[in-house]
Amino acid sequence: MFKPYENGTESHAIHDLTVENDTDCVSLSGNLQLTKDQAGLKAAKALQALLNDVVTALENTADLPEAVEREQSGEVENPFL
């Protein structure tokens, strides 16, 4: 079960959308198409549940800072060139 901000090594996928968990950040990357059908509804509900968990975790954090300073990852040279 995905628990936002509790485990820095987890990831979760909803189709091609990847959710990466860290102790100070939850990152979303990829692509998610919410089609107007049962599959789209299922994906939308999965995304909604995940985001609801993130919001709940943030709301329940005592002394939530104004902003978290994160180290920006620099550009990595392509080893295949």
Protein backbone atom coordinates (compact mmCIF):
# COMPACT_ATOMS: atom_id res chain seq x y z
CA MET A 1 0.00 0.00 0.00
CA PHE A 2 1.34 3.42 -1.00
CA LYS A 3 1.87 5.68 2.02
CA PRO A 4 2.93 9.19 0.99
CA TYR A 5 6.13 10.53 2.55
CA GLU A 6 6.71 7.39 4.64
CA ASN A 7 9.05 5.34 2.49
CA GLY A 8 11.65 6.93 0.25
CA THR A 9 12.00 3.96 -2.07
CA GLU A 10 8.43 3.19 -3.15
CA SER A 11 6.90 3.76 -6.51
CA HIS A 12 3.41 3.11 -7.79
CA ALA A 13 2.01 3.08 -11.31
CA ILE A 14 -1.39 3.91 -12.75
CA HIS A 15 -1.06 2.84 -16.37
CA ASP A 16 1.88 4.93 -17.67
CA LEU A 17 1.81 7.42 -14.79
CA THR A 18 4.52 6.74 -12.22
CA VAL A 19 4.27 8.03 -8.67
CA GLU A 20 7.57 8.07 -6.81
CA ASN A 21 7.61 8.38 -3.05
CA ASP A 22 10.28 10.15 -1.04
CA THR A 23 10.27 11.32 2.55
CA ASP A 24 9.86 14.98 1.53
CA CYS A 25 8.30 14.75 -1.94
CA VAL A 26 5.86 12.73 -4.01
CA SER A 27 6.66 12.96 -7.73
CA LEU A 28 4.30 12.25 -10.61
CA SER A 29 5.69 11.58 -14.06
CA GLY A 30 4.51 9.96 -17.23
CA ASN A 31 1.23 9.85 -19.06
CA LEU A 32 -2.29 8.95 -17.95
CA GLN A 33 -5.24 9.06 -20.31
CA LEU A 34 -8.60 9.09 -18.56
CA THR A 35 -10.86 7.71 -21.26
CA LYS A 36 -14.62 8.07 -21.05
CA ASP A 37 -15.26 4.40 -20.26
CA GLN A 38 -15.02 1.92 -17.36
CA ALA A 39 -11.22 1.72 -17.66
CA GLY A 40 -10.98 5.52 -17.49
CA LEU A 41 -13.24 5.61 -14.45
CA LYS A 42 -11.13 2.98 -12.71
CA ALA A 43 -7.91 4.90 -13.46
CA ALA A 44 -9.47 8.20 -12.34
CA LYS A 45 -10.56 6.68 -9.04
CA ALA A 46 -7.09 5.22 -8.46
CA LEU A 47 -5.54 8.65 -9.08
CA GLN A 48 -8.12 10.33 -6.85
CA ALA A 49 -7.45 7.88 -4.01
CA LEU A 50 -3.71 8.40 -4.32
CA LEU A 51 -4.02 12.20 -4.30
CA ASN A 52 -6.47 12.05 -1.38
CA ASP A 53 -3.82 10.09 0.56
CA VAL A 54 -1.21 12.75 -0.28
CA VAL A 55 -3.52 15.59 0.83
CA THR A 56 -4.39 13.75 4.06
CA ALA A 57 -0.72 13.14 4.83
CA LEU A 58 0.07 16.82 4.28
CA GLU A 59 -2.89 18.01 6.37
CA ASN A 60 -1.87 15.71 9.23
CA THR A 61 1.75 16.90 9.30
CA ALA A 62 2.46 19.04 12.31
CA ASP A 63 4.57 22.13 11.65
CA LEU A 64 4.30 21.83 7.86
CA PRO A 65 6.99 24.15 6.47
CA GLU A 66 6.23 26.88 3.94
CA ALA A 67 8.57 25.21 1.45
CA VAL A 68 11.04 22.34 1.37
CA GLU A 69 14.43 22.98 -0.18
CA ARG A 70 15.31 20.11 -2.49
CA GLU A 71 18.60 19.60 -4.24
CA GLN A 72 18.12 20.05 -7.97
CA SER A 73 19.52 17.18 -9.95
CA GLY A 74 21.83 18.45 -12.64
CA GLU A 75 21.86 17.42 -16.25
CA VAL A 76 23.46 14.03 -16.75
CA GLU A 77 25.72 13.47 -19.73
CA ASN A 78 24.42 10.82 -22.14
CA PRO A 79 26.83 7.87 -21.94
CA PHE A 80 25.66 6.56 -25.32
CA LEU A 81 26.92 9.55 -27.33
